[in-house]
C-alpha atoms as a PDB file:
ATOM      1  CA  MET A   1     142.283  24.266 191.363  1.00  0.00           C
ATOM      2  CA  GLU A   2     142.962  26.963 188.758  1.00  0.00           C
ATOM      3  CA  VAL A   3     146.491  25.633 188.267  1.00  0.00           C
ATOM      4  CA  ILE A   4     145.331  22.011 188.079  1.00  0.00           C
ATOM      5  CA  LEU A   5     142.649  22.847 185.531  1.00  0.00           C
ATOM      6  CA  ALA A   6     145.023  25.008 183.504  1.00  0.00           C
ATOM      7  CA  ASP A   7     147.869  22.457 183.384  1.00  0.00           C
ATOM      8  CA  ARG A   8     145.445  19.499 183.263  1.00  0.00           C
ATOM      9  CA  VAL A   9     147.834  17.474 185.404  1.00  0.00           C
ATOM     10  CA  LEU A  10     149.051  17.106 188.958  1.00  0.00           C
ATOM     11  CA  SER A  11     151.896  14.994 190.254  1.00  0.00           C
ATOM     12  CA  VAL A  12     151.422  12.491 193.076  1.00  0.00           C
ATOM     13  CA  VAL A  13     154.552  11.659 195.052  1.00  0.00           C
ATOM     14  CA  ARG A  14     154.737   8.476 197.094  1.00  0.00           C
ATOM     15  CA  ALA A  15     158.267   7.984 198.339  1.00  0.00           C
ATOM     16  CA  PRO A  16     160.002   6.608 201.433  1.00  0.00           C
ATOM     17  CA  GLU A  17     161.752   9.959 201.796  1.00  0.00           C
ATOM     18  CA  ILE A  18     162.092  13.302 200.029  1.00  0.00           C
ATOM     19  CA  PRO A  19     165.627  14.593 200.613  1.00  0.00           C
ATOM     20  CA  ASP A  20     165.014  17.984 198.972  1.00  0.00           C
ATOM     21  CA  PRO A  21     161.332  18.912 198.647  1.00  0.00           C
ATOM     22  CA  VAL A  22     162.147  22.274 197.044  1.00  0.00           C
ATOM     23  CA  ALA A  23     164.276  20.694 194.315  1.00  0.00           C
ATOM     24  CA  LEU A  24     161.537  18.126 193.644  1.00  0.00           C
ATOM     25  CA  ALA A  25     158.805  20.754 193.375  1.00  0.00           C
ATOM     26  CA  GLU A  26     160.909  22.989 191.139  1.00  0.00           C
ATOM     27  CA  ALA A  27     161.894  20.094 188.859  1.00  0.00           C
ATOM     28  CA  LEU A  28     158.222  19.287 188.303  1.00  0.00           C
ATOM     29  CA  ALA A  29     157.001  22.879 188.032  1.00  0.00           C
ATOM     30  CA  GLY A  30     159.765  23.741 185.601  1.00  0.00           C
ATOM     31  CA  SER A  31     158.649  20.877 183.367  1.00  0.00           C
ATOM     32  CA  GLY A  32     154.994  21.889 183.272  1.00  0.00           C
ATOM     33  CA  ILE A  33     153.502  20.108 186.291  1.00  0.00           C
ATOM     34  CA  ARG A  34     152.990  22.900 188.795  1.00  0.00           C
ATOM     35  CA  ALA A  35     150.561  21.091 191.140  1.00  0.00           C
ATOM     36  CA  LEU A  36     152.307  18.666 193.465  1.00  0.00           C
ATOM     37  CA  GLU A  37     150.554  16.270 195.827  1.00  0.00           C
ATOM     38  CA  LEU A  38     152.692  14.933 198.644  1.00  0.00           C
ATOM     39  CA  THR A  39     151.093  12.142 200.663  1.00  0.00           C
ATOM     40  CA  PHE A  40     150.721  11.090 204.257  1.00  0.00           C
ATOM     41  CA  THR A  41     152.337   7.762 203.318  1.00  0.00           C
ATOM     42  CA  THR A  42     155.704   9.598 203.261  1.00  0.00           C
ATOM     43  CA  PRO A  43     157.310   9.834 206.718  1.00  0.00           C
ATOM     44  CA  GLY A  44     157.691  13.441 207.844  1.00  0.00           C
ATOM     45  CA  VAL A  45     155.444  14.686 205.064  1.00  0.00           C
ATOM     46  CA  LEU A  46     154.418  17.834 206.930  1.00  0.00           C
ATOM     47  CA  ASP A  47     158.022  19.065 207.122  1.00  0.00           C
ATOM     48  CA  CYS A  48     158.418  18.259 203.417  1.00  0.00           C
ATOM     49  CA  LEU A  49     155.229  20.181 202.718  1.00  0.00           C
ATOM     50  CA  ARG A  50     156.371  23.280 204.549  1.00  0.00           C
ATOM     51  CA  ALA A  51     159.649  23.267 202.632  1.00  0.00           C
ATOM     52  CA  ALA A  52     158.071  22.559 199.234  1.00  0.00           C
ATOM     53  CA  THR A  53     155.687  25.502 199.535  1.00  0.00           C
ATOM     54  CA  THR A  54     158.684  27.820 199.078  1.00  0.00           C
ATOM     55  CA  ALA A  55     159.432  26.431 195.599  1.00  0.00           C
ATOM     56  CA  ALA A  56     158.935  28.811 192.706  1.00  0.00           C
ATOM     57  CA  ASP A  57     155.736  28.307 190.677  1.00  0.00           C
ATOM     58  CA  ALA A  58     154.696  25.178 192.591  1.00  0.00           C
ATOM     59  CA  VAL A  59     151.269  24.692 194.155  1.00  0.00           C
ATOM     60  CA  VAL A  60     151.619  22.048 196.852  1.00  0.00           C
ATOM     61  CA  GLY A  61     148.917  19.980 198.496  1.00  0.00           C
ATOM     62  CA  VAL A  62     148.660  16.788 200.504  1.00  0.00           C
ATOM     63  CA  GLY A  63     147.011  13.497 199.656  1.00  0.00           C
ATOM     64  CA  THR A  64     145.997  10.293 201.416  1.00  0.00           C
ATOM     65  CA  VAL A  65     144.198  12.521 203.917  1.00  0.00           C
ATOM     66  CA  LEU A  66     141.958  10.245 205.963  1.00  0.00           C
ATOM     67  CA  ARG A  67     141.149  12.140 209.145  1.00  0.00           C
ATOM     68  CA  ALA A  68     140.158  15.629 210.226  1.00  0.00           C
ATOM     69  CA  GLU A  69     143.331  16.108 212.260  1.00  0.00           C
ATOM     70  CA  GLN A  70     145.473  15.262 209.246  1.00  0.00           C
ATOM     71  CA  ALA A  71     143.555  17.792 207.167  1.00  0.00           C
ATOM     72  CA  ALA A  72     144.012  20.499 209.789  1.00  0.00           C
ATOM     73  CA  ALA A  73     147.723  19.758 210.183  1.00  0.00           C
ATOM     74  CA  ALA A  74     148.274  19.831 206.428  1.00  0.00           C
ATOM     75  CA  ILE A  75     146.540  23.189 206.119  1.00  0.00           C
ATOM     76  CA  ASP A  76     148.561  24.554 209.056  1.00  0.00           C
ATOM     77  CA  HIS A  77     151.746  23.543 207.213  1.00  0.00           C
ATOM     78  CA  GLY A  78     150.752  25.331 204.023  1.00  0.00           C
ATOM     79  CA  ALA A  79     148.761  22.828 201.937  1.00  0.00           C
ATOM     80  CA  ARG A  80     146.908  24.594 199.115  1.00  0.00           C
ATOM     81  CA  PHE A  81     144.643  21.602 198.438  1.00  0.00           C
ATOM     82  CA  LEU A  82     143.781  18.229 199.976  1.00  0.00           C
ATOM     83  CA  VAL A  83     143.234  14.848 198.310  1.00  0.00           C
ATOM     84  CA  THR A  84     141.498  11.801 199.765  1.00  0.00           C
ATOM     85  CA  PRO A  85     141.561   8.202 198.484  1.00  0.00           C
ATOM     86  CA  GLY A  86     137.846   7.823 199.210  1.00  0.00           C
ATOM     87  CA  VAL A  87     134.833   9.698 200.521  1.00  0.00           C
ATOM     88  CA  ARG A  88     135.783  11.360 203.829  1.00  0.00           C
ATOM     89  CA  ALA A  89     133.177  13.691 205.315  1.00  0.00           C
ATOM     90  CA  GLU A  90     135.384  14.859 208.181  1.00  0.00           C
ATOM     91  CA  VAL A  91     138.142  15.902 205.786  1.00  0.00           C
ATOM     92  CA  ALA A  92     135.640  17.779 203.639  1.00  0.00           C
ATOM     93  CA  ALA A  93     134.392  19.633 206.711  1.00  0.00           C
ATOM     94  CA  VAL A  94     137.871  20.845 207.668  1.00  0.00           C
ATOM     95  CA  ALA A  95     138.638  21.845 204.094  1.00  0.00           C
ATOM     96  CA  ALA A  96     135.408  23.851 203.869  1.00  0.00           C
ATOM     97  CA  GLU A  97     136.092  25.559 207.184  1.00  0.00           C
ATOM     98  CA  HIS A  98     139.446  26.806 205.876  1.00  0.00           C
ATOM     99  CA  GLY A  99     138.370  27.506 202.306  1.00  0.00           C
ATOM    100  CA  ILE A 100     140.749  24.861 200.925  1.00  0.00           C
ATOM    101  CA  PRO A 101     139.666  22.767 197.921  1.00  0.00           C
ATOM    102  CA  VAL A 102     139.456  19.024 198.386  1.00  0.00           C
ATOM    103  CA  VAL A 103     139.785  16.487 195.576  1.00  0.00           C
ATOM    104  CA  MET A 104     137.813  13.562 196.938  1.00  0.00           C
ATOM    105  CA  GLY A 105     138.377   9.986 195.878  1.00  0.00           C
ATOM    106  CA  ALA A 106     135.475   7.981 194.484  1.00  0.00           C
ATOM    107  CA  PHE A 107     134.831   5.134 192.089  1.00  0.00           C
ATOM    108  CA  THR A 108     131.115   4.439 191.727  1.00  0.00           C
ATOM    109  CA  PRO A 109     128.434   6.923 190.616  1.00  0.00           C
ATOM    110  CA  THR A 110     127.010   6.888 194.153  1.00  0.00           C
ATOM    111  CA  GLU A 111     130.407   7.799 195.584  1.00  0.00           C
ATOM    112  CA  VAL A 112     130.778  10.582 193.016  1.00  0.00           C
ATOM    113  CA  LEU A 113     127.433  12.010 194.129  1.00  0.00           C
ATOM    114  CA  THR A 114     128.396  11.758 197.792  1.00  0.00           C
ATOM    115  CA  ALA A 115     131.688  13.550 197.133  1.00  0.00           C
ATOM    116  CA  LEU A 116     129.804  16.328 195.361  1.00  0.00           C
ATOM    117  CA  ASP A 117     127.308  16.606 198.227  1.00  0.00           C
ATOM    118  CA  LEU A 118     130.261  17.051 200.603  1.00  0.00           C
ATOM    119  CA  GLY A 119     131.567  19.960 198.538  1.00  0.00           C
ATOM    120  CA  ALA A 120     134.435  18.345 196.635  1.00  0.00           C
ATOM    121  CA  ALA A 121     136.055  20.750 194.170  1.00  0.00           C
ATOM    122  CA  ALA A 122     136.871  17.754 191.963  1.00  0.00           C
ATOM    123  CA  VAL A 123     136.392  14.010 192.160  1.00  0.00           C
ATOM    124  CA  LYS A 124     139.372  11.686 191.859  1.00  0.00           C
ATOM    125  CA  ILE A 125     138.369   8.479 190.097  1.00  0.00           C
ATOM    126  CA  PHE A 126     140.511   5.827 191.764  1.00  0.00           C
ATOM    127  CA  PRO A 127     141.760   3.319 190.808  1.00  0.00           C
ATOM    128  CA  ALA A 128     141.462   4.456 187.195  1.00  0.00           C
ATOM    129  CA  ARG A 129     143.422   1.467 185.887  1.00  0.00           C
ATOM    130  CA  ALA A 130     140.559  -0.857 186.858  1.00  0.00           C
ATOM    131  CA  LEU A 131     138.229   0.171 184.009  1.00  0.00           C
ATOM    132  CA  GLY A 132     140.317   2.588 181.950  1.00  0.00           C
ATOM    133  CA  PRO A 133     139.403   5.694 179.937  1.00  0.00           C
ATOM    134  CA  GLY A 134     136.090   4.222 178.798  1.00  0.00           C
ATOM    135  CA  TYR A 135     134.781   4.394 182.355  1.00  0.00           C
ATOM    136  CA  LEU A 136     135.532   8.138 182.470  1.00  0.00           C
ATOM    137  CA  LYS A 137     133.546   8.545 179.271  1.00  0.00           C
ATOM    138  CA  ASP A 138     130.621   6.645 180.788  1.00  0.00           C
ATOM    139  CA  LEU A 139     130.672   8.829 183.897  1.00  0.00           C
ATOM    140  CA  ARG A 140     130.491  11.956 181.758  1.00  0.00           C
ATOM    141  CA  GLY A 141     126.964  10.929 180.759  1.00  0.00           C
ATOM    142  CA  PRO A 142     125.281  11.500 184.142  1.00  0.00           C
ATOM    143  CA  PHE A 143     127.975  13.921 185.330  1.00  0.00           C
ATOM    144  CA  PRO A 144     128.723  16.221 182.372  1.00  0.00           C
ATOM    145  CA  ASP A 145     129.776  19.159 184.542  1.00  0.00           C
ATOM    146  CA  VAL A 146     131.740  17.341 187.250  1.00  0.00           C
ATOM    147  CA  ALA A 147     135.516  17.774 187.385  1.00  0.00           C
ATOM    148  CA  LEU A 148     136.782  14.202 187.156  1.00  0.00           C
ATOM    149  CA  ILE A 149     140.479  13.409 187.702  1.00  0.00           C
ATOM    150  CA  PRO A 150     141.608   9.817 187.103  1.00  0.00           C
ATOM    151  CA  SER A 151     144.332   8.480 189.365  1.00  0.00           C
ATOM    152  CA  GLY A 152     146.117   5.163 189.566  1.00  0.00           C
ATOM    153  CA  GLY A 153     147.393   3.631 186.368  1.00  0.00           C
ATOM    154  CA  VAL A 154     147.627   6.880 184.407  1.00  0.00           C
ATOM    155  CA  ASN A 155     150.837   7.134 182.391  1.00  0.00           C
ATOM    156  CA  ALA A 156     152.345   8.811 179.342  1.00  0.00           C
ATOM    157  CA  GLY A 157     150.792   6.149 177.139  1.00  0.00           C
ATOM    158  CA  ASN A 158     147.178   6.748 178.170  1.00  0.00           C
ATOM    159  CA  ALA A 159     147.010  10.266 179.647  1.00  0.00           C
ATOM    160  CA  ALA A 160     145.751  11.814 176.401  1.00  0.00           C
ATOM    161  CA  GLN A 161     143.055   9.151 176.131  1.00  0.00           C
ATOM    162  CA  PHE A 162     141.816   9.865 179.659  1.00  0.00           C
ATOM    163  CA  LEU A 163     141.641  13.579 178.828  1.00  0.00           C
ATOM    164  CA  ALA A 164     139.815  12.881 175.567  1.00  0.00           C
ATOM    165  CA  SER A 165     137.345  10.750 177.538  1.00  0.00           C
ATOM    166  CA  GLY A 166     136.317  13.675 179.714  1.00  0.00           C
ATOM    167  CA  ALA A 167     138.884  14.038 182.490  1.00  0.00           C
ATOM    168  CA  VAL A 168     139.586  17.671 183.390  1.00  0.00           C
ATOM    169  CA  ALA A 169     143.083  16.646 184.498  1.00  0.00           C
ATOM    170  CA  VAL A 170     145.135  13.519 185.107  1.00  0.00           C
ATOM    171  CA  THR A 171     147.571  12.467 187.771  1.00  0.00           C
ATOM    172  CA  ALA A 172     151.226  11.761 187.082  1.00  0.00           C
ATOM    173  CA  GLY A 173     152.386   9.223 189.629  1.00  0.00           C
ATOM    174  CA  THR A 174     155.242   6.734 189.617  1.00  0.00           C
ATOM    175  CA  ASP A 175     155.440   7.013 185.820  1.00  0.00           C
ATOM    176  CA  VAL A 176     157.024  10.422 186.472  1.00  0.00           C
ATOM    177  CA  VAL A 177     158.118  10.396 190.121  1.00  0.00           C
ATOM    178  CA  ALA A 178     159.439   6.913 190.823  1.00  0.00           C
ATOM    179  CA  PRO A 179     159.932   6.503 194.592  1.00  0.00           C
ATOM    180  CA  SER A 180     163.536   5.363 194.097  1.00  0.00           C
ATOM    181  CA  ASP A 181     164.348   8.461 192.027  1.00  0.00           C
ATOM    182  CA  VAL A 182     162.809  10.750 194.626  1.00  0.00           C
ATOM    183  CA  ALA A 183     164.704   9.085 197.464  1.00  0.00           C
ATOM    184  CA  ALA A 184     167.955   9.291 195.481  1.00  0.00           C
ATOM    185  CA  GLY A 185     167.409  12.922 194.507  1.00  0.00           C
ATOM    186  CA  ARG A 186     167.516  12.317 190.759  1.00  0.00           C
ATOM    187  CA  TRP A 187     165.779  15.614 189.995  1.00  0.00           C
ATOM    188  CA  SER A 188     166.937  15.939 186.377  1.00  0.00           C
ATOM    189  CA  ASP A 189     165.560  12.487 185.555  1.00  0.00           C
ATOM    190  CA  ILE A 190     162.247  13.402 187.157  1.00  0.00           C
ATOM    191  CA  ALA A 191     162.168  16.710 185.257  1.00  0.00           C
ATOM    192  CA  SER A 192     162.810  14.897 181.984  1.00  0.00           C
ATOM    193  CA  ARG A 193     160.011  12.393 182.564  1.00  0.00           C
ATOM    194  CA  ALA A 194     157.654  15.158 183.657  1.00  0.00           C
ATOM    195  CA  ALA A 195     158.315  17.042 180.429  1.00  0.00           C
ATOM    196  CA  SER A 196     157.708  13.873 178.415  1.00  0.00           C
ATOM    197  CA  PHE A 197     154.467  13.242 180.275  1.00  0.00           C
ATOM    198  CA  VAL A 198     153.272  16.783 179.574  1.00  0.00           C
ATOM    199  CA  ARG A 199     154.086  16.364 175.866  1.00  0.00           C
ATOM    200  CA  SER A 200     152.146  13.092 175.787  1.00  0.00           C
ATOM    201  CA  MET A 201     149.001  14.871 176.928  1.00  0.00           C
ATOM    202  CA  LYS A 202     148.827  17.043 173.830  1.00  0.00           C
END
């Protein structure tokens, strides 16, 4: 969480395959996005995770964690943080048992409160594209001290606005790591877009 809060961004990778997880992680970390979220929607993600954890400067976690056994397997393979798309008590329990932070997905104020009650280190507001940066600003009213991270629909054109509206960090998804580029191993293209995304946040 220290890296995510310091960089104010984490990358979410959804791809049909990741031919070189180390090269991917280093391309992102070298461009200013050190936190990398692989997801259970990628086949063989646990092997990718284990490999990516060896990348210099990268902090690698796993997202789309729905069940306790997925959480435990991810932690066993070196995940430094977990991310859920919605409120998942069983995932929170495993994360707490191992001292691993969980960024829990939520959308409504009630879901935000539930995520906090379950011990979420941060709350991922998903899908952020639905209501935009103004919704983050509204949530800051009742939740001034909650770490909110918008996800879904965040791009280089609106990242700074989400941050100005109260997000502690934003997610860089397909705007930076297009699935086709990941599958094709176009690491320099990904690094270039990551650097542009980071500049857009300023």
